[in-house]
Amino acid sequence: MVLRRDPSERTLGVRALRCLAAGALLLAPALLGPQAQATTSRQAIHPSTFGFGLQASTDTKGLGGWMPRSGAAWDYAYRYLGGGTGNGAKNWTAWEANATYPISYARVAASKGYTPVFTYYQLLASSKPCGTCGEAQRDLAGLNSGPLMKAYFSDFATLMKRLGSGTHDGVAGFGGDALVHVEPDLSGYAEMAVLSKRHCFSFCTATGNSPANLRSAVASSGFPLAASYPNTYQGFNQVLLRLRDTYAPNVRLATHLSNWATGFDLNSATAPHLDPLALGAKAGAFLAASGAGWTNGTHSPYDLVFNDVSNKDAGYYTHVLKKPRFWDQDNTVFPNFHRWQDYVRAATTATGRKAIVWQVPIGNQRYASMNNTPGHYQDNRVEYFFDHVSELAGANIIGVLFGTTIRQATNYADWAGDGVTNPAPICSSDGWSSGKVVCSSTQTPAADDDGGYLRVRARDYYRVPFTLR
């Protein structure tokens, strides 16, 4: 997933955007049809306490060992589902016979007391048109390929059948509580497209902050259930929501909020003039109209918003990619945590949905193993999030999921395979605009790549978890 920004984009006023979002939300109850109303109880399935979770395999480094032995009562375990429709053995449907991998994973996670979470990341790998283009253009081209969209909708329907409580193709579904996170970054690319001709790649019918302005092969895909929906990005989301309601009303669907969706990248931007409330309201209005706060009566809306803060440890960005990515824990210079929280709060207010922060880097600056080498890159988000749970809850966030996208990144368990390591401490003021110096001097108590810091903080947190209002 690629981060994009366009400094030329202008923002609308916060008041106007809030009115737009509020209007969409006010329409939603009146528009809900009988089928959609039957699923509204699912949206009340929010936890009573703030929760943490991990990207987890089913082997001994995840669900089969490390998580239950960590001493922490984790709330969530997540797994990517991908491979691309039509890609044979690579696609998730081929990972186990009869496309039963999601059932197996969900049952194992639930047996340990964890809510199973699936990140459905299919479109990019499925995209046949524009194969040499950048990710954004490839995704938009894929949305506009009729054959691809027909296969995509069928693939998503199979997932819903496997996670629902019914029996399809001779397979009894999971039927329990599960989350499905739909296409990280896609909504960001879609919003950037309708806001800027430069990012539209000729797939837009108009310029303006509406998912109805972006074309997608929906009714024209030939997929039967999609026949009555518009050939727009709004219609694309409606079909996914309708499939959920049809086959798996027990599943909570989450749309994705990218920190750069409006053209300004809050992950890295140092500019002090950016207004996170205006940008968040703008992004939230787009998500609300895409299905997080609006329905035409044939489906219920998205239940949650997922957001990610970075796809790699700040130390990896700094020492390997030569790009500064530490957020300021003093919240004085940018980027920092308070500006990001303002953005998420504004976006979730516009959608009327709670947020889960996903794929959070695992590095820390405390344990000696963290010497900015492969498997041991530093970051400061684990420490900040555990120290400021009430702040996160105040931004309408109900949970945090830790994970990574590259093998060189810091992980929990001994993914690097180098056992307990205690190299010379690194002392720096990275992430502290005040000049505060922190040292990775604590002797590592475990062979975990992060020295065991994540498991220690999680174990301590779950002794008295934070109660959500």
Protein backbone atom coordinates (compact mmCIF):
# COMPACT_ATOMS: atom_id res chain seq x y z
CA MET A 1 0.00 0.00 0.00
CA VAL A 2 1.39 3.32 -1.06
CA LEU A 3 1.03 6.64 0.70
CA ARG A 4 0.03 9.57 -1.50
CA ARG A 5 -0.48 13.27 -0.94
CA ASP A 6 -1.41 16.23 -3.08
CA PRO A 7 -0.59 19.63 -1.53
CA SER A 8 -2.68 21.39 -4.18
CA GLU A 9 -5.97 20.13 -2.73
CA ARG A 10 -8.10 22.60 -0.81
CA THR A 11 -10.30 21.68 2.14
CA LEU A 12 -13.90 22.62 2.79
CA GLY A 13 -15.09 24.19 6.02
CA VAL A 14 -15.65 21.94 9.02
CA ARG A 15 -19.21 23.19 9.55
CA ALA A 16 -20.27 22.45 5.97
CA LEU A 17 -18.76 18.98 6.06
CA ARG A 18 -20.36 18.16 9.38
CA CYS A 19 -23.72 19.23 8.02
CA LEU A 20 -23.21 17.01 4.97
CA ALA A 21 -22.29 14.01 7.13
CA ALA A 22 -25.08 14.68 9.59
CA GLY A 23 -27.60 14.85 6.76
CA ALA A 24 -26.51 11.46 5.50
CA LEU A 25 -26.77 9.97 8.98
CA LEU A 26 -30.20 11.46 9.61
CA LEU A 27 -31.48 9.82 6.43
CA ALA A 28 -30.15 6.40 7.33
CA PRO A 29 -32.82 5.18 9.82
CA ALA A 30 -35.70 6.18 7.57
CA LEU A 31 -34.17 4.46 4.57
CA LEU A 32 -33.42 1.14 6.22
CA GLY A 33 -35.54 -1.63 4.75
CA PRO A 34 -36.74 -4.73 6.62
CA GLN A 35 -33.63 -6.77 5.80
CA ALA A 36 -31.28 -3.99 6.84
CA GLN A 37 -33.20 -3.32 10.04
CA ALA A 38 -32.88 -6.98 10.98
CA THR A 39 -29.12 -6.53 11.24
CA THR A 40 -28.98 -3.32 13.26
CA SER A 41 -28.54 -5.25 16.52
CA ARG A 42 -25.13 -6.31 15.24
CA GLN A 43 -23.97 -2.71 15.40
CA ALA A 44 -24.52 -2.74 19.16
CA ILE A 45 -21.82 -5.41 19.49
CA HIS A 46 -19.20 -3.02 20.72
CA PRO A 47 -16.98 -4.10 23.59
CA SER A 48 -17.36 -2.71 27.08
CA THR A 49 -13.58 -2.31 27.41
CA PHE A 50 -10.85 -1.03 25.11
CA GLY A 51 -9.25 -3.99 23.34
CA PHE A 52 -5.93 -5.01 21.81
CA GLY A 53 -5.12 -7.65 19.24
CA LEU A 54 -2.46 -9.02 16.92
CA GLN A 55 -1.84 -10.14 13.39
CA ALA A 56 -1.57 -13.85 14.11
CA SER A 57 -0.83 -17.06 12.28
CA THR A 58 -2.35 -20.31 13.55
CA ASP A 59 1.03 -21.88 14.41
CA THR A 60 3.03 -21.70 17.64
CA LYS A 61 4.07 -18.10 16.92
CA GLY A 62 0.45 -16.99 16.98
CA LEU A 63 -2.86 -18.57 17.94
CA GLY A 64 -1.23 -21.94 18.56
CA GLY A 65 1.20 -20.79 21.23
CA TRP A 66 2.52 -17.29 21.68
CA MET A 67 -0.79 -15.48 22.15
CA PRO A 68 -2.32 -17.77 24.79
CA ARG A 69 1.05 -18.12 26.55
CA SER A 70 1.71 -14.37 26.62
CA GLY A 71 -0.37 -13.89 29.76
CA ALA A 72 -2.55 -11.22 28.10
CA ALA A 73 -6.29 -11.62 27.49
CA TRP A 74 -6.13 -10.38 23.90
CA ASP A 75 -9.43 -9.35 22.32
CA TYR A 76 -8.65 -9.79 18.61
CA ALA A 77 -6.60 -11.87 16.19
CA TYR A 78 -6.40 -10.85 12.54
CA ARG A 79 -5.34 -12.38 9.26
CA TYR A 80 -5.10 -11.08 5.71
CA LEU A 81 -7.28 -12.80 3.10
CA GLY A 82 -5.92 -12.19 -0.37
CA GLY A 83 -4.15 -13.72 -3.31
CA GLY A 84 -6.44 -12.30 -5.99
CA THR A 85 -9.54 -13.72 -7.62
CA GLY A 86 -8.67 -16.08 -10.44
CA ASN A 87 -5.13 -16.63 -9.15
CA GLY A 88 -5.54 -20.32 -8.40
CA ALA A 89 -3.62 -21.67 -5.40
CA LYS A 90 -2.58 -18.14 -4.37
CA ASN A 91 -6.14 -17.08 -3.61
CA TRP A 92 -7.50 -17.58 -0.10
CA THR A 93 -10.25 -19.86 -1.44
CA ALA A 94 -7.55 -22.47 -2.22
CA TRP A 95 -5.78 -22.35 1.14
CA GLU A 96 -8.05 -25.10 2.46
CA ALA A 97 -10.53 -27.38 0.71
CA ASN A 98 -13.91 -25.83 -0.14
CA ALA A 99 -12.69 -22.34 0.80
CA THR A 100 -12.90 -23.25 4.49
CA TYR A 101 -9.77 -21.45 5.74
CA PRO A 102 -11.78 -18.53 7.24
CA ILE A 103 -13.92 -21.02 9.16
CA SER A 104 -10.88 -22.82 10.53
CA TYR A 105 -9.15 -19.61 11.54
CA ALA A 106 -12.28 -18.13 13.11
CA ARG A 107 -12.94 -21.27 15.13
CA VAL A 108 -9.39 -21.41 16.47
CA ALA A 109 -9.42 -17.70 17.36
CA ALA A 110 -12.83 -17.95 19.05
CA SER A 111 -11.73 -21.02 21.02
CA LYS A 112 -8.98 -18.88 22.56
CA GLY A 113 -11.38 -16.07 23.39
CA TYR A 114 -10.32 -13.78 20.51
CA THR A 115 -12.64 -12.16 18.00
CA PRO A 116 -11.47 -13.22 14.51
CA VAL A 117 -10.69 -10.33 12.16
CA PHE A 118 -10.07 -10.68 8.43
CA THR A 119 -8.51 -7.99 6.28
CA TYR A 120 -9.97 -8.61 2.82
CA TYR A 121 -7.24 -7.29 0.51
CA GLN A 122 -8.10 -8.71 -2.89
CA LEU A 123 -8.49 -6.02 -5.51
CA LEU A 124 -4.85 -5.19 -6.17
CA ALA A 125 -3.77 -8.80 -6.68
CA SER A 126 -6.87 -9.39 -8.83
CA SER A 127 -6.29 -6.40 -11.07
CA LYS A 128 -5.58 -7.47 -14.65
CA PRO A 129 -6.04 -4.09 -16.40
CA CYS A 130 -3.17 -1.63 -16.21
CA GLY A 131 -0.85 -4.22 -14.70
CA THR A 132 2.22 -1.97 -14.81
CA CYS A 133 0.52 1.10 -13.32
CA GLY A 134 0.82 2.33 -9.76
CA GLU A 135 -1.41 0.86 -7.06
CA ALA A 136 -4.05 3.60 -7.14
CA GLN A 137 -4.53 3.43 -10.91
CA ARG A 138 -4.53 -0.38 -10.88
CA ASP A 139 -7.24 -0.44 -8.21
CA LEU A 140 -9.43 2.02 -10.11
CA ALA A 141 -8.92 0.08 -13.33
CA GLY A 142 -9.90 -3.09 -11.51
CA LEU A 143 -13.08 -1.47 -10.22
CA ASN A 144 -14.00 -0.74 -13.82
CA SER A 145 -13.38 -4.20 -15.23
CA GLY A 146 -16.70 -6.02 -15.58
CA PRO A 147 -15.26 -9.56 -15.58
CA LEU A 148 -13.01 -8.79 -12.61
CA MET A 149 -15.85 -7.27 -10.60
CA LYS A 150 -18.10 -10.23 -11.29
CA ALA A 151 -15.42 -12.57 -9.97
CA TYR A 152 -14.70 -10.23 -7.06
CA PHE A 153 -18.32 -10.08 -5.91
CA SER A 154 -18.54 -13.87 -6.18
CA ASP A 155 -15.38 -14.22 -4.10
CA PHE A 156 -16.72 -11.89 -1.41
CA ALA A 157 -20.02 -13.79 -1.40
CA THR A 158 -18.09 -17.01 -0.73
CA LEU A 159 -16.39 -15.38 2.25
CA MET A 160 -19.73 -14.25 3.65
CA LYS A 161 -21.18 -17.73 3.17
CA ARG A 162 -18.27 -19.27 5.08
CA LEU A 163 -18.49 -16.80 7.96
CA GLY A 164 -22.29 -16.79 8.19
CA SER A 165 -24.41 -19.34 10.02
CA GLY A 166 -25.93 -21.02 6.98
CA THR A 167 -24.80 -24.05 5.01
CA HIS A 168 -23.61 -23.42 1.45
CA ASP A 169 -21.97 -25.82 -0.99
CA GLY A 170 -22.32 -28.47 1.71
CA VAL A 171 -20.23 -26.43 4.17
CA ALA A 172 -21.61 -25.20 7.49
CA GLY A 173 -20.50 -21.64 8.16
CA PHE A 174 -18.81 -20.19 11.26
CA GLY A 175 -21.80 -18.19 12.52
CA GLY A 176 -20.08 -16.35 15.37
CA ASP A 177 -18.94 -12.78 15.85
CA ALA A 178 -16.33 -11.82 13.26
CA LEU A 179 -14.96 -8.65 11.68
CA VAL A 180 -14.12 -8.19 8.02
CA HIS A 181 -12.02 -5.17 7.12
CA VAL A 182 -12.65 -4.25 3.49
CA GLU A 183 -9.78 -3.27 1.16
CA PRO A 184 -7.34 -1.07 3.12
CA ASP A 185 -6.45 2.11 1.16
CA LEU A 186 -9.06 1.60 -1.58
CA SER A 187 -11.40 4.21 -0.12
CA GLY A 188 -8.44 6.62 0.10
CA TYR A 189 -7.63 6.16 -3.56
CA ALA A 190 -11.32 6.57 -4.39
CA GLU A 191 -11.64 9.84 -2.49
CA MET A 192 -8.44 11.26 -3.96
CA ALA A 193 -9.78 10.38 -7.40
CA VAL A 194 -12.98 12.39 -7.03
CA LEU A 195 -11.14 15.31 -5.45
CA SER A 196 -8.44 15.64 -8.11
CA LYS A 197 -8.46 14.99 -11.84
CA ARG A 198 -4.79 14.09 -11.56
CA HIS A 199 -5.71 11.08 -9.43
CA CYS A 200 -8.87 10.16 -11.31
CA PHE A 201 -7.23 8.49 -14.34
CA SER A 202 -10.39 9.19 -16.40
CA PHE A 203 -12.61 7.05 -14.16
CA CYS A 204 -14.66 9.94 -12.70
CA THR A 205 -17.91 11.45 -13.91
CA ALA A 206 -17.47 14.66 -11.88
CA THR A 207 -15.16 16.33 -9.38
CA GLY A 208 -16.48 16.52 -5.83
CA ASN A 209 -16.31 14.65 -2.52
CA SER A 210 -18.84 11.94 -3.37
CA PRO A 211 -18.39 8.20 -4.07
CA ALA A 212 -21.12 8.55 -6.69
CA ASN A 213 -18.63 10.49 -8.84
CA LEU A 214 -16.32 7.51 -9.33
CA ARG A 215 -17.25 4.85 -11.89
CA SER A 216 -17.19 1.14 -11.10
CA ALA A 217 -18.53 -1.90 -12.95
CA VAL A 218 -21.33 -2.91 -10.60
CA ALA A 219 -24.62 -3.57 -12.41
CA SER A 220 -22.63 -3.94 -15.63
CA SER A 221 -20.49 -6.67 -14.04
CA GLY A 222 -23.23 -9.22 -14.64
CA PHE A 223 -23.19 -10.40 -11.03
CA PRO A 224 -26.88 -11.14 -10.31
CA LEU A 225 -27.21 -9.44 -6.91
CA ALA A 226 -25.52 -6.30 -8.27
CA ALA A 227 -28.05 -5.76 -11.06
CA SER A 228 -30.01 -3.02 -9.27
CA TYR A 229 -27.02 -1.02 -8.03
CA PRO A 230 -25.36 1.94 -9.76
CA ASN A 231 -22.09 1.64 -11.63
CA THR A 232 -20.27 3.77 -9.07
CA TYR A 233 -17.96 3.32 -6.11
CA GLN A 234 -21.01 3.90 -3.92
CA GLY A 235 -22.70 1.00 -5.69
CA PHE A 236 -19.61 -1.16 -5.19
CA ASN A 237 -19.89 -0.72 -1.42
CA GLN A 238 -23.64 -1.30 -1.49
CA VAL A 239 -23.15 -4.71 -3.08
CA LEU A 240 -20.63 -5.75 -0.41
CA LEU A 241 -22.99 -4.63 2.34
CA ARG A 242 -25.93 -6.42 0.71
CA LEU A 243 -23.88 -9.63 0.45
CA ARG A 244 -23.05 -9.38 4.14
CA ASP A 245 -26.70 -8.89 5.06
CA THR A 246 -27.75 -11.76 2.82
CA TYR A 247 -25.28 -14.42 3.94
CA ALA A 248 -23.60 -13.30 7.17
CA PRO A 249 -25.57 -10.77 9.24
CA ASN A 250 -23.40 -11.83 12.20
CA VAL A 251 -20.32 -10.30 10.53
CA ARG A 252 -19.30 -6.73 11.30
CA LEU A 253 -17.93 -5.00 8.20
CA ALA A 254 -15.36 -2.22 8.47
CA THR A 255 -14.46 0.37 5.87
CA HIS A 256 -11.00 1.97 5.81
CA LEU A 257 -9.95 5.51 6.71
CA SER A 258 -6.58 6.47 5.21
CA ASN A 259 -4.68 9.35 6.78
CA TRP A 260 -3.91 10.75 3.31
CA ALA A 261 -7.35 10.29 1.69
CA THR A 262 -7.98 14.03 1.28
CA GLY A 263 -4.60 14.67 -0.37
CA PHE A 264 -2.57 15.53 2.75
CA ASP A 265 -0.55 12.80 4.44
CA LEU A 266 -0.90 13.18 8.21
CA ASN A 267 1.46 10.22 8.70
CA SER A 268 4.45 12.28 7.64
CA ALA A 269 3.42 15.88 6.95
CA THR A 270 5.31 18.41 9.06
CA ALA A 271 3.20 21.39 7.92
CA PRO A 272 1.66 23.16 10.94
CA HIS A 273 -1.17 24.74 8.93
CA LEU A 274 -3.08 21.51 8.24
CA ASP A 275 -6.50 21.43 9.89
CA PRO A 276 -7.07 17.82 11.06
CA LEU A 277 -10.70 18.51 11.98
CA ALA A 278 -11.55 19.76 8.50
CA LEU A 279 -9.60 16.96 6.82
CA GLY A 280 -11.15 14.33 9.07
CA ALA A 281 -14.67 15.65 8.51
CA LYS A 282 -14.05 15.59 4.77
CA ALA A 283 -12.76 12.01 4.80
CA GLY A 284 -15.59 10.98 7.10
CA ALA A 285 -18.22 12.52 4.84
CA PHE A 286 -16.88 10.46 1.94
CA LEU A 287 -16.96 7.26 4.00
CA ALA A 288 -20.45 8.06 5.29
CA ALA A 289 -21.75 8.42 1.74
CA SER A 290 -19.89 5.22 0.77
CA GLY A 291 -21.93 3.19 3.22
CA ALA A 292 -20.66 3.95 6.72
CA GLY A 293 -23.56 6.29 7.45
CA TRP A 294 -25.94 5.99 4.53
CA THR A 295 -28.13 3.26 3.04
CA ASN A 296 -30.75 3.19 0.32
CA GLY A 297 -32.87 0.71 2.27
CA THR A 298 -31.56 -2.51 0.69
CA HIS A 299 -28.69 -3.04 3.12
CA SER A 300 -27.37 -2.00 6.50
CA PRO A 301 -24.29 0.23 6.77
CA TYR A 302 -20.70 -0.48 7.70
CA ASP A 303 -20.25 -1.12 11.42
CA LEU A 304 -16.73 0.18 12.00
CA VAL A 305 -13.92 2.28 10.56
CA PHE A 306 -10.37 0.92 10.45
CA ASN A 307 -7.39 3.27 10.39
CA ASP A 308 -3.65 2.68 10.13
CA VAL A 309 -0.85 4.91 11.40
CA SER A 310 2.11 3.42 9.52
CA ASN A 311 2.94 0.24 7.66
CA LYS A 312 6.51 0.00 8.99
CA ASP A 313 8.44 0.83 12.17
CA ALA A 314 9.69 4.41 12.37
CA GLY A 315 13.22 3.08 12.84
CA TYR A 316 12.98 1.17 9.56
CA TYR A 317 11.84 4.31 7.76
CA THR A 318 14.63 6.33 9.37
CA HIS A 319 17.57 3.95 8.98
CA VAL A 320 16.67 1.98 5.85
CA LEU A 321 14.43 4.27 3.78
CA LYS A 322 16.04 7.49 5.08
CA LYS A 323 12.64 9.04 5.78
CA PRO A 324 11.84 10.45 9.23
CA ARG A 325 8.64 8.89 10.58
CA PHE A 326 8.74 9.19 14.38
CA TRP A 327 5.67 10.96 15.76
CA ASP A 328 6.28 13.53 18.48
CA GLN A 329 5.21 12.23 21.89
CA ASP A 330 5.37 15.79 23.23
CA ASN A 331 2.69 16.67 20.65
CA THR A 332 4.42 19.93 19.84
CA VAL A 333 5.86 19.46 16.35
CA PHE A 334 4.35 17.52 13.46
CA PRO A 335 3.56 14.76 12.79
CA ASN A 336 2.24 13.95 16.25
CA PHE A 337 -0.37 11.90 18.02
CA HIS A 338 -2.82 14.66 18.92
CA ARG A 339 -3.22 15.85 15.33
CA TRP A 340 -3.89 12.29 14.20
CA GLN A 341 -6.42 11.78 16.99
CA ASP A 342 -8.25 14.95 15.95
CA TYR A 343 -8.44 13.63 12.39
CA VAL A 344 -9.83 10.25 13.47
CA ARG A 345 -12.28 11.87 15.89
CA ALA A 346 -13.64 14.15 13.15
CA ALA A 347 -13.94 11.31 10.65
CA THR A 348 -15.68 8.94 13.05
CA THR A 349 -18.02 11.71 14.16
CA ALA A 350 -19.01 12.23 10.53
CA THR A 351 -19.66 8.53 10.00
CA GLY A 352 -21.22 7.81 13.38
CA ARG A 353 -18.97 4.75 13.67
CA LYS A 354 -16.25 3.74 16.13
CA ALA A 355 -12.70 3.07 14.95
CA ILE A 356 -10.10 0.34 15.35
CA VAL A 357 -6.47 1.23 14.67
CA TRP A 358 -4.94 -1.57 12.63
CA GLN A 359 -1.49 -2.86 11.70
CA VAL A 360 0.33 -0.76 14.28
CA PRO A 361 4.15 -1.16 14.25
CA ILE A 362 5.52 -3.23 17.13
CA GLY A 363 8.93 -1.65 17.82
CA ASN A 364 9.82 0.13 21.06
CA GLN A 365 12.64 2.30 22.38
CA ARG A 366 13.05 0.62 25.76
CA TYR A 367 14.41 -2.90 25.43
CA ALA A 368 18.04 -3.64 24.53
CA SER A 369 17.11 -5.88 21.61
CA MET A 370 15.83 -2.78 19.77
CA ASN A 371 19.03 -1.78 17.96
CA ASN A 372 17.53 -0.81 14.57
CA THR A 373 18.58 -3.98 12.76
CA PRO A 374 16.28 -6.39 10.87
CA GLY A 375 13.62 -7.65 13.26
CA HIS A 376 14.55 -5.06 15.88
CA TYR A 377 13.61 -1.62 14.54
CA GLN A 378 12.44 1.01 17.00
CA ASP A 379 9.08 2.77 17.10
CA ASN A 380 7.15 4.68 19.78
CA ARG A 381 3.51 3.83 19.09
CA VAL A 382 3.24 0.77 21.34
CA GLU A 383 4.45 2.82 24.29
CA TYR A 384 2.27 5.82 23.49
CA PHE A 385 -0.90 3.84 22.90
CA PHE A 386 -0.66 1.85 26.12
CA ASP A 387 0.17 5.04 28.04
CA HIS A 388 -2.74 7.00 26.53
CA VAL A 389 -5.67 4.61 26.14
CA SER A 390 -8.09 7.23 27.45
CA GLU A 391 -6.92 9.64 24.72
CA LEU A 392 -7.59 7.03 22.06
CA ALA A 393 -11.04 6.32 23.47
CA GLY A 394 -11.74 10.05 23.39
CA ALA A 395 -11.07 9.93 19.64
CA ASN A 396 -13.81 7.28 19.22
CA ILE A 397 -11.26 4.47 19.02
CA ILE A 398 -12.22 1.18 20.68
CA GLY A 399 -9.23 -1.01 19.90
CA VAL A 400 -5.70 -1.36 18.53
CA LEU A 401 -4.33 -4.23 16.42
CA PHE A 402 -0.56 -4.70 16.11
CA GLY A 403 1.01 -6.12 12.97
CA THR A 404 3.44 -5.63 10.12
CA THR A 405 3.74 -5.97 6.36
CA ILE A 406 7.42 -6.86 5.92
CA ARG A 407 9.59 -9.60 7.42
CA GLN A 408 12.39 -7.18 8.39
CA ALA A 409 10.06 -5.25 10.70
CA THR A 410 9.88 -5.75 14.45
CA ASN A 411 7.48 -8.47 15.48
CA TYR A 412 6.35 -10.24 18.60
CA ALA A 413 7.64 -13.79 19.14
CA ASP A 414 11.06 -14.73 17.76
CA TRP A 415 10.32 -14.18 14.09
CA ALA A 416 13.94 -13.15 13.47
CA GLY A 417 15.10 -16.49 14.89
CA ASP A 418 17.99 -14.99 16.88
CA GLY A 419 16.84 -15.71 20.43
CA VAL A 420 17.41 -13.33 23.32
CA THR A 421 19.59 -10.40 22.22
CA ASN A 422 21.08 -7.65 24.39
CA PRO A 423 23.34 -5.45 22.25
CA ALA A 424 24.69 -2.11 23.44
CA PRO A 425 21.89 0.37 24.20
CA ILE A 426 20.89 3.04 21.70
CA CYS A 427 20.13 6.45 23.22
CA SER A 428 18.28 9.07 21.21
CA SER A 429 15.61 11.76 21.36
CA ASP A 430 13.70 10.31 18.37
CA GLY A 431 10.03 11.15 18.88
CA TRP A 432 10.65 13.77 21.56
CA SER A 433 10.69 17.39 20.39
CA SER A 434 11.59 18.42 23.94
CA GLY A 435 14.95 16.72 23.50
CA LYS A 436 14.18 14.02 26.05
CA VAL A 437 16.66 11.16 25.65
CA VAL A 438 15.50 7.56 25.92
CA CYS A 439 17.76 4.53 25.89
CA SER A 440 17.08 0.94 24.87
CA SER A 441 18.79 -0.24 28.04
CA THR A 442 16.27 -2.61 29.66
CA GLN A 443 17.59 -6.16 29.49
CA THR A 444 15.32 -8.25 27.31
CA PRO A 445 13.37 -10.87 29.27
CA ALA A 446 12.28 -12.88 26.22
CA ALA A 447 13.39 -14.04 22.79
CA ASP A 448 10.64 -11.96 21.21
CA ASP A 449 11.96 -9.68 18.48
CA ASP A 450 10.79 -6.66 20.50
CA GLY A 451 12.40 -8.07 23.64
CA GLY A 452 9.00 -8.90 25.12
CA TYR A 453 7.86 -5.30 25.56
CA LEU A 454 4.49 -5.81 23.85
CA ARG A 455 3.58 -8.85 25.90
CA VAL A 456 4.62 -7.11 29.14
CA ARG A 457 2.54 -4.00 28.38
CA ALA A 458 -0.48 -6.05 27.27
CA ARG A 459 -0.32 -8.31 30.32
CA ASP A 460 -0.17 -5.29 32.62
CA TYR A 461 -3.00 -3.55 30.75
CA TYR A 462 -5.41 -6.47 31.00
CA ARG A 463 -5.15 -6.55 34.77
CA VAL A 464 -7.45 -3.51 34.75
CA PRO A 465 -8.65 -2.83 31.19
CA PHE A 466 -10.05 0.59 30.32
CA THR A 467 -13.85 0.81 30.41
CA LEU A 468 -15.47 2.37 27.34
CA ARG A 469 -18.43 4.70 27.71
